[in-house]
Amino acid sequence: MRNEGWRRLRGAVLRILAVAVAYYVTGRIGLLQRVAIDGAVVTPLFLPTGIALSCLLRLGLRVWPGIALGSYLVIETINPFQPSGLAILAGSTLAPVCAFLLLRRVGFRTELDRLGDGVALVFLGGMVPMLISATVGSVVVYLSGSLASGGFWSFWAAWWAGDAMGVLVLTPLLLVLRRPYGLSRDPVRWAEAVVLAAGVVLVSLFVTRSSIALLFLVFPLLIWAALRFRLPGAAPCVLLVSVLAIAAANDRVGPFADQTLFQVMVNLQALNGSVALTGLLLSALVTEQQHIREKIEEACLEMAELVDSLLPGRPSQDRPPWDPEGRG
């Protein structure tokens, strides 16, 4: 019994440490594309929020200390940890925990095979709970004197959008990766996937660095990915488009050239949000319709078998026994 208890404790500690490491590593990656607003640092795509929510959905609420530890390490990377950082740490931990509790409350399914699951992830998993971390963090940074009053709302909006985009962009991809998918052996299918991936990369590079406003050209490719490959195809495409758009925005090229920081953040988050919503909701809708069609086909097959068994002239030994109470 003692050995069993130690094994469970060791497994719990390892899971918490793994969550902390994943949170910290993705936080460092996100900070590579950070921007400064009136001296305060924020990133337009904060991937650790997607890591945190995915781990909670996969491992349960017991891994929340890993989120807190990872958040502490990320804060320490930006500036030496101060007592006021405890509030930021609490907000960064509470936001994904609240998202997890809200999703569990509405019966969210990690398969994302229903339109309602996609809508729940967008609003209850991303947009609403991330108001907590953005508000707490922005207030703490402002009160510490690191942020001018004139830049408070821009900083708050960038923080909120970055946290929400982390959920919308990364969480669906991680939920897809944890599920086993049978790989198609059809070479035409593989060729289509390669062409789609190459098209997303080339078109995204072109439209995010072209002086002509052509950002809308990425949406036909996202629709193609969602219709043909559903979430396993749409989720990676969304991540590619978002990362390439953020790189172009930081370089101030293409449609982000000659714009103020506020204009860049608005255009960037509008693009990332639209891309994530298109890929996530359309793939969830297609998956739901596919399941409905499969259920209808199964019902039709069962009905056809039942009718065939009741046809006159069929040998009685081949017919199912009649149950007067309807149990047979």
Protein backbone atom coordinates (compact mmCIF):
# COMPACT_ATOMS: atom_id res chain seq x y z
CA MET A 1 0.00 0.00 0.00
CA ARG A 2 2.84 2.38 0.84
CA ASN A 3 4.56 1.65 -2.47
CA GLU A 4 1.29 2.24 -4.32
CA GLY A 5 0.87 5.58 -2.56
CA TRP A 6 4.40 6.62 -3.47
CA ARG A 7 3.83 5.69 -7.11
CA ARG A 8 0.69 7.79 -7.25
CA LEU A 9 2.43 10.72 -5.60
CA ARG A 10 5.38 10.44 -7.96
CA GLY A 11 3.05 10.31 -10.96
CA ALA A 12 1.15 13.39 -9.77
CA VAL A 13 4.39 15.33 -9.20
CA LEU A 14 5.74 14.36 -12.62
CA ARG A 15 2.52 15.47 -14.32
CA ILE A 16 2.65 18.82 -12.51
CA LEU A 17 6.30 19.32 -13.48
CA ALA A 18 5.55 18.37 -17.10
CA VAL A 19 2.77 20.97 -17.25
CA ALA A 20 5.09 23.59 -15.75
CA VAL A 21 7.83 22.82 -18.28
CA ALA A 22 5.41 22.93 -21.22
CA TYR A 23 3.95 26.22 -19.95
CA TYR A 24 7.40 27.76 -19.51
CA VAL A 25 8.78 26.61 -22.87
CA THR A 26 5.78 27.87 -24.85
CA GLY A 27 5.91 31.09 -22.82
CA ARG A 28 9.50 31.66 -23.88
CA ILE A 29 8.53 30.97 -27.49
CA GLY A 30 5.66 33.47 -27.26
CA LEU A 31 7.94 36.12 -25.77
CA LEU A 32 10.12 35.97 -28.87
CA GLN A 33 7.33 37.90 -30.61
CA ARG A 34 6.58 40.27 -27.72
CA VAL A 35 5.82 43.93 -28.14
CA ALA A 36 6.22 46.84 -25.74
CA ILE A 37 3.33 49.20 -25.00
CA ASP A 38 4.47 52.26 -23.05
CA GLY A 39 7.31 50.24 -21.58
CA ALA A 40 5.22 47.20 -20.61
CA VAL A 41 5.70 43.88 -22.41
CA VAL A 42 2.88 41.82 -23.93
CA THR A 43 2.67 39.13 -26.61
CA PRO A 44 -0.09 38.93 -29.26
CA LEU A 45 -0.21 35.11 -29.07
CA PHE A 46 0.35 33.68 -25.59
CA LEU A 47 0.57 29.95 -26.22
CA PRO A 48 0.77 28.89 -22.52
CA THR A 49 -2.95 29.56 -22.07
CA GLY A 50 -3.65 26.91 -24.70
CA ILE A 51 -1.22 24.55 -22.96
CA ALA A 52 -2.85 25.19 -19.58
CA LEU A 53 -6.41 24.57 -20.74
CA SER A 54 -5.44 21.48 -22.75
CA CYS A 55 -3.66 19.97 -19.74
CA LEU A 56 -6.65 20.66 -17.50
CA LEU A 57 -9.00 19.04 -20.01
CA ARG A 58 -6.69 16.05 -20.37
CA LEU A 59 -5.39 15.54 -16.81
CA GLY A 60 -7.98 17.23 -14.64
CA LEU A 61 -7.94 20.02 -12.10
CA ARG A 62 -5.17 18.43 -10.02
CA VAL A 63 -2.43 19.79 -12.33
CA TRP A 64 -3.18 23.44 -11.59
CA PRO A 65 0.03 23.82 -9.49
CA GLY A 66 1.97 23.16 -12.69
CA ILE A 67 0.24 26.14 -14.32
CA ALA A 68 1.12 28.33 -11.34
CA LEU A 69 4.76 27.16 -11.38
CA GLY A 70 5.06 27.71 -15.12
CA SER A 71 3.53 31.17 -14.80
CA TYR A 72 6.05 32.05 -12.10
CA LEU A 73 8.93 30.98 -14.34
CA VAL A 74 7.61 33.03 -17.26
CA ILE A 75 7.18 36.13 -15.07
CA GLU A 76 10.72 35.66 -13.75
CA THR A 77 11.95 35.59 -17.35
CA ILE A 78 10.52 39.04 -18.06
CA ASN A 79 11.46 40.79 -14.80
CA PRO A 80 12.73 39.77 -11.36
CA PHE A 81 9.75 38.46 -9.42
CA GLN A 82 8.16 41.04 -7.15
CA PRO A 83 5.41 40.62 -4.52
CA SER A 84 2.97 42.25 -6.96
CA GLY A 85 3.71 39.38 -9.32
CA LEU A 86 1.69 37.12 -7.04
CA ALA A 87 -1.47 38.78 -8.34
CA ILE A 88 -0.42 38.22 -11.96
CA LEU A 89 0.44 34.62 -11.12
CA ALA A 90 -2.97 34.13 -9.49
CA GLY A 91 -4.78 35.66 -12.47
CA SER A 92 -2.80 33.57 -14.97
CA THR A 93 -3.67 30.41 -13.05
CA LEU A 94 -7.29 31.28 -12.31
CA ALA A 95 -8.19 32.12 -15.93
CA PRO A 96 -7.60 28.61 -17.42
CA VAL A 97 -9.03 26.97 -14.29
CA CYS A 98 -12.24 28.98 -14.72
CA ALA A 99 -12.26 28.09 -18.42
CA PHE A 100 -12.00 24.40 -17.53
CA LEU A 101 -14.81 24.62 -14.97
CA LEU A 102 -17.08 26.49 -17.38
CA LEU A 103 -16.48 23.97 -20.16
CA ARG A 104 -17.11 21.06 -17.82
CA ARG A 105 -20.30 22.75 -16.66
CA VAL A 106 -21.77 22.81 -20.17
CA GLY A 107 -20.73 19.23 -21.02
CA PHE A 108 -17.85 20.12 -23.34
CA ARG A 109 -16.43 17.17 -25.28
CA THR A 110 -12.76 17.20 -26.22
CA GLU A 111 -13.54 15.48 -29.53
CA LEU A 112 -14.90 18.85 -30.75
CA ASP A 113 -17.35 16.92 -32.91
CA ARG A 114 -20.30 19.22 -32.24
CA LEU A 115 -20.85 22.83 -33.20
CA GLY A 116 -21.80 23.55 -29.60
CA ASP A 117 -18.37 22.35 -28.45
CA GLY A 118 -16.67 24.76 -30.82
CA VAL A 119 -18.80 27.67 -29.65
CA ALA A 120 -18.18 26.74 -26.01
CA LEU A 121 -14.41 26.65 -26.54
CA VAL A 122 -14.45 30.05 -28.23
CA PHE A 123 -16.47 31.88 -25.60
CA LEU A 124 -16.29 29.86 -22.36
CA GLY A 125 -12.78 28.58 -22.95
CA GLY A 126 -11.15 31.63 -24.49
CA MET A 127 -12.83 34.99 -24.58
CA VAL A 128 -14.68 35.16 -21.26
CA PRO A 129 -12.28 33.60 -18.71
CA MET A 130 -9.22 35.32 -20.18
CA LEU A 131 -10.75 38.61 -19.05
CA ILE A 132 -9.55 37.59 -15.58
CA SER A 133 -5.85 37.34 -16.42
CA ALA A 134 -5.91 40.42 -18.65
CA THR A 135 -7.68 42.59 -16.08
CA VAL A 136 -5.59 41.47 -13.10
CA GLY A 137 -2.34 41.69 -15.03
CA SER A 138 -3.05 45.12 -16.54
CA VAL A 139 -4.11 46.61 -13.21
CA VAL A 140 -0.99 45.28 -11.46
CA VAL A 141 1.32 46.58 -14.19
CA TYR A 142 -0.40 49.97 -14.10
CA LEU A 143 -0.26 50.28 -10.32
CA SER A 144 3.42 49.31 -10.33
CA GLY A 145 4.17 52.36 -12.50
CA SER A 146 5.40 50.36 -15.49
CA LEU A 147 2.49 51.48 -17.67
CA ALA A 148 1.32 55.01 -18.46
CA SER A 149 -2.36 55.72 -17.95
CA GLY A 150 -2.84 56.51 -21.62
CA GLY A 151 -1.78 53.05 -22.65
CA PHE A 152 -3.83 51.07 -20.16
CA TRP A 153 -6.66 49.98 -22.47
CA SER A 154 -4.34 49.18 -25.36
CA PHE A 155 -2.24 47.05 -23.04
CA TRP A 156 -5.32 45.37 -21.56
CA ALA A 157 -6.78 44.60 -25.00
CA ALA A 158 -3.46 43.15 -26.21
CA TRP A 159 -3.13 40.99 -23.08
CA TRP A 160 -6.69 39.70 -23.36
CA ALA A 161 -6.42 39.01 -27.09
CA GLY A 162 -3.08 37.24 -26.67
CA ASP A 163 -4.43 34.93 -23.94
CA ALA A 164 -7.66 34.22 -25.84
CA MET A 165 -5.79 33.53 -29.08
CA GLY A 166 -3.54 31.09 -27.25
CA VAL A 167 -6.62 29.04 -26.41
CA LEU A 168 -8.29 29.33 -29.82
CA VAL A 169 -5.14 28.57 -31.81
CA LEU A 170 -3.31 25.95 -29.73
CA THR A 171 -5.95 24.09 -27.69
CA PRO A 172 -7.79 22.57 -30.70
CA LEU A 173 -4.47 21.39 -32.14
CA LEU A 174 -3.44 19.73 -28.86
CA LEU A 175 -6.84 18.09 -28.48
CA VAL A 176 -6.47 16.67 -32.00
CA LEU A 177 -2.97 15.33 -31.34
CA ARG A 178 -4.05 13.36 -28.27
CA ARG A 179 -6.61 11.36 -30.25
CA PRO A 180 -5.62 8.41 -32.47
CA TYR A 181 -6.43 8.99 -36.13
CA GLY A 182 -6.10 6.34 -38.78
CA LEU A 183 -3.75 7.51 -41.51
CA SER A 184 -5.18 7.28 -44.97
CA ARG A 185 -3.36 5.06 -47.42
CA ASP A 186 -4.84 6.85 -50.40
CA PRO A 187 -1.96 8.60 -52.22
CA VAL A 188 -4.39 11.13 -53.66
CA ARG A 189 -5.42 12.08 -50.13
CA TRP A 190 -1.82 12.55 -49.08
CA ALA A 191 -1.09 14.61 -52.20
CA GLU A 192 -4.07 16.83 -51.41
CA ALA A 193 -2.81 17.34 -47.84
CA VAL A 194 0.67 18.29 -49.06
CA VAL A 195 -0.75 20.74 -51.60
CA LEU A 196 -2.98 22.27 -48.93
CA ALA A 197 -0.12 22.71 -46.45
CA ALA A 198 2.15 24.23 -49.08
CA GLY A 199 -0.66 26.52 -50.21
CA VAL A 200 -1.31 27.76 -46.68
CA VAL A 201 2.37 28.57 -46.12
CA LEU A 202 2.91 30.28 -49.49
CA VAL A 203 -0.33 32.24 -49.49
CA SER A 204 0.13 33.30 -45.84
CA LEU A 205 3.68 34.49 -46.51
CA PHE A 206 2.50 36.44 -49.54
CA VAL A 207 -0.58 38.13 -48.09
CA THR A 208 1.04 39.02 -44.75
CA ARG A 209 3.99 40.72 -46.47
CA SER A 210 2.30 42.24 -49.49
CA SER A 211 1.48 45.92 -49.52
CA ILE A 212 -1.85 45.05 -51.14
CA ALA A 213 -4.69 44.16 -48.75
CA LEU A 214 -5.10 40.46 -49.60
CA LEU A 215 -5.41 38.88 -46.16
CA PHE A 216 -8.81 37.45 -47.11
CA LEU A 217 -7.11 34.97 -49.45
CA VAL A 218 -6.27 32.68 -46.51
CA PHE A 219 -9.94 31.92 -45.84
CA PRO A 220 -10.61 29.71 -48.90
CA LEU A 221 -7.69 27.54 -47.80
CA LEU A 222 -9.06 27.30 -44.25
CA ILE A 223 -12.46 26.33 -45.63
CA TRP A 224 -10.78 23.71 -47.80
CA ALA A 225 -8.93 22.31 -44.76
CA ALA A 226 -12.07 22.21 -42.60
CA LEU A 227 -14.29 20.62 -45.25
CA ARG A 228 -11.83 17.99 -46.42
CA PHE A 229 -9.76 17.24 -43.31
CA ARG A 230 -11.93 18.65 -40.53
CA LEU A 231 -10.18 19.65 -37.28
CA PRO A 232 -6.96 17.63 -37.87
CA GLY A 233 -6.43 19.68 -41.02
CA ALA A 234 -7.85 23.02 -39.93
CA ALA A 235 -6.02 23.32 -36.58
CA PRO A 236 -2.45 23.23 -38.00
CA CYS A 237 -3.45 25.66 -40.76
CA VAL A 238 -4.81 28.12 -38.20
CA LEU A 239 -1.55 27.95 -36.25
CA LEU A 240 0.53 28.50 -39.40
CA VAL A 241 -1.47 31.54 -40.49
CA SER A 242 -1.38 33.09 -37.01
CA VAL A 243 2.38 32.63 -36.55
CA LEU A 244 3.22 34.06 -39.97
CA ALA A 245 0.86 37.00 -39.43
CA ILE A 246 2.46 37.79 -36.05
CA ALA A 247 5.94 37.67 -37.60
CA ALA A 248 4.87 40.13 -40.31
CA ALA A 249 3.21 42.41 -37.76
CA ASN A 250 6.37 42.54 -35.64
CA ASP A 251 8.43 43.36 -38.72
CA ARG A 252 5.88 46.06 -39.67
CA VAL A 253 5.67 44.87 -43.28
CA GLY A 254 2.82 44.23 -45.68
CA PRO A 255 -0.59 45.35 -44.40
CA PHE A 256 0.96 46.22 -41.02
CA ALA A 257 3.38 48.79 -42.42
CA ASP A 258 3.04 52.49 -41.56
CA GLN A 259 0.55 51.78 -38.76
CA THR A 260 0.58 52.70 -35.10
CA LEU A 261 1.07 49.96 -32.57
CA PHE A 262 -2.60 50.08 -31.65
CA GLN A 263 -3.66 49.73 -35.30
CA VAL A 264 -1.26 46.82 -35.77
CA MET A 265 -2.65 45.01 -32.72
CA VAL A 266 -6.26 45.56 -33.80
CA ASN A 267 -5.66 44.30 -37.35
CA LEU A 268 -3.57 41.37 -36.16
CA GLN A 269 -6.04 40.18 -33.55
CA ALA A 270 -8.96 40.65 -35.95
CA LEU A 271 -7.18 38.40 -38.45
CA ASN A 272 -6.14 35.79 -35.88
CA GLY A 273 -9.59 35.71 -34.32
CA SER A 274 -11.34 35.35 -37.67
CA VAL A 275 -8.96 32.62 -38.78
CA ALA A 276 -9.38 30.66 -35.54
CA LEU A 277 -13.17 31.00 -35.56
CA THR A 278 -13.44 29.96 -39.21
CA GLY A 279 -11.29 26.87 -38.82
CA LEU A 280 -12.66 25.75 -35.47
CA LEU A 281 -16.38 26.31 -35.97
CA LEU A 282 -16.52 25.11 -39.57
CA SER A 283 -14.63 21.91 -38.80
CA ALA A 284 -16.86 21.25 -35.78
CA LEU A 285 -19.94 21.79 -37.93
CA VAL A 286 -18.66 19.46 -40.66
CA THR A 287 -17.81 16.78 -38.08
CA GLU A 288 -21.24 17.06 -36.49
CA GLN A 289 -22.98 16.75 -39.87
CA GLN A 290 -20.83 13.74 -40.71
CA HIS A 291 -21.84 11.99 -37.49
CA ILE A 292 -25.51 12.76 -38.12
CA ARG A 293 -25.25 11.27 -41.61
CA GLU A 294 -23.57 8.15 -40.25
CA LYS A 295 -26.34 7.69 -37.66
CA ILE A 296 -29.00 8.11 -40.35
CA GLU A 297 -27.27 5.54 -42.55
CA GLU A 298 -27.10 3.09 -39.63
CA ALA A 299 -30.79 3.63 -38.87
CA CYS A 300 -31.69 3.09 -42.53
CA LEU A 301 -29.64 -0.11 -42.66
CA GLU A 302 -31.33 -1.46 -39.53
CA MET A 303 -34.74 -0.57 -40.96
CA ALA A 304 -33.92 -2.31 -44.24
CA GLU A 305 -32.83 -5.45 -42.38
CA LEU A 306 -36.02 -5.39 -40.33
CA VAL A 307 -38.24 -5.01 -43.42
CA ASP A 308 -36.34 -7.76 -45.20
CA SER A 309 -36.86 -10.11 -42.26
CA LEU A 310 -40.63 -9.50 -42.39
CA LEU A 311 -41.06 -10.09 -46.13
CA PRO A 312 -43.67 -12.77 -47.00
CA GLY A 313 -42.33 -16.05 -48.30
CA ARG A 314 -39.20 -15.93 -46.21
CA PRO A 315 -38.59 -19.16 -44.29
CA SER A 316 -39.90 -18.87 -40.74
CA GLN A 317 -36.64 -20.08 -39.24
CA ASP A 318 -34.93 -17.01 -40.74
CA ARG A 319 -37.39 -14.59 -39.14
CA PRO A 320 -36.84 -13.23 -35.65
CA PRO A 321 -39.32 -14.54 -33.05
CA TRP A 322 -42.31 -12.29 -32.49
CA ASP A 323 -42.53 -10.75 -29.05
CA PRO A 324 -46.07 -9.54 -28.18
CA GLU A 325 -44.65 -7.09 -25.66
CA GLY A 326 -42.24 -5.56 -28.15
CA ARG A 327 -39.04 -6.84 -26.51
CA GLY A 328 -37.93 -9.09 -29.34
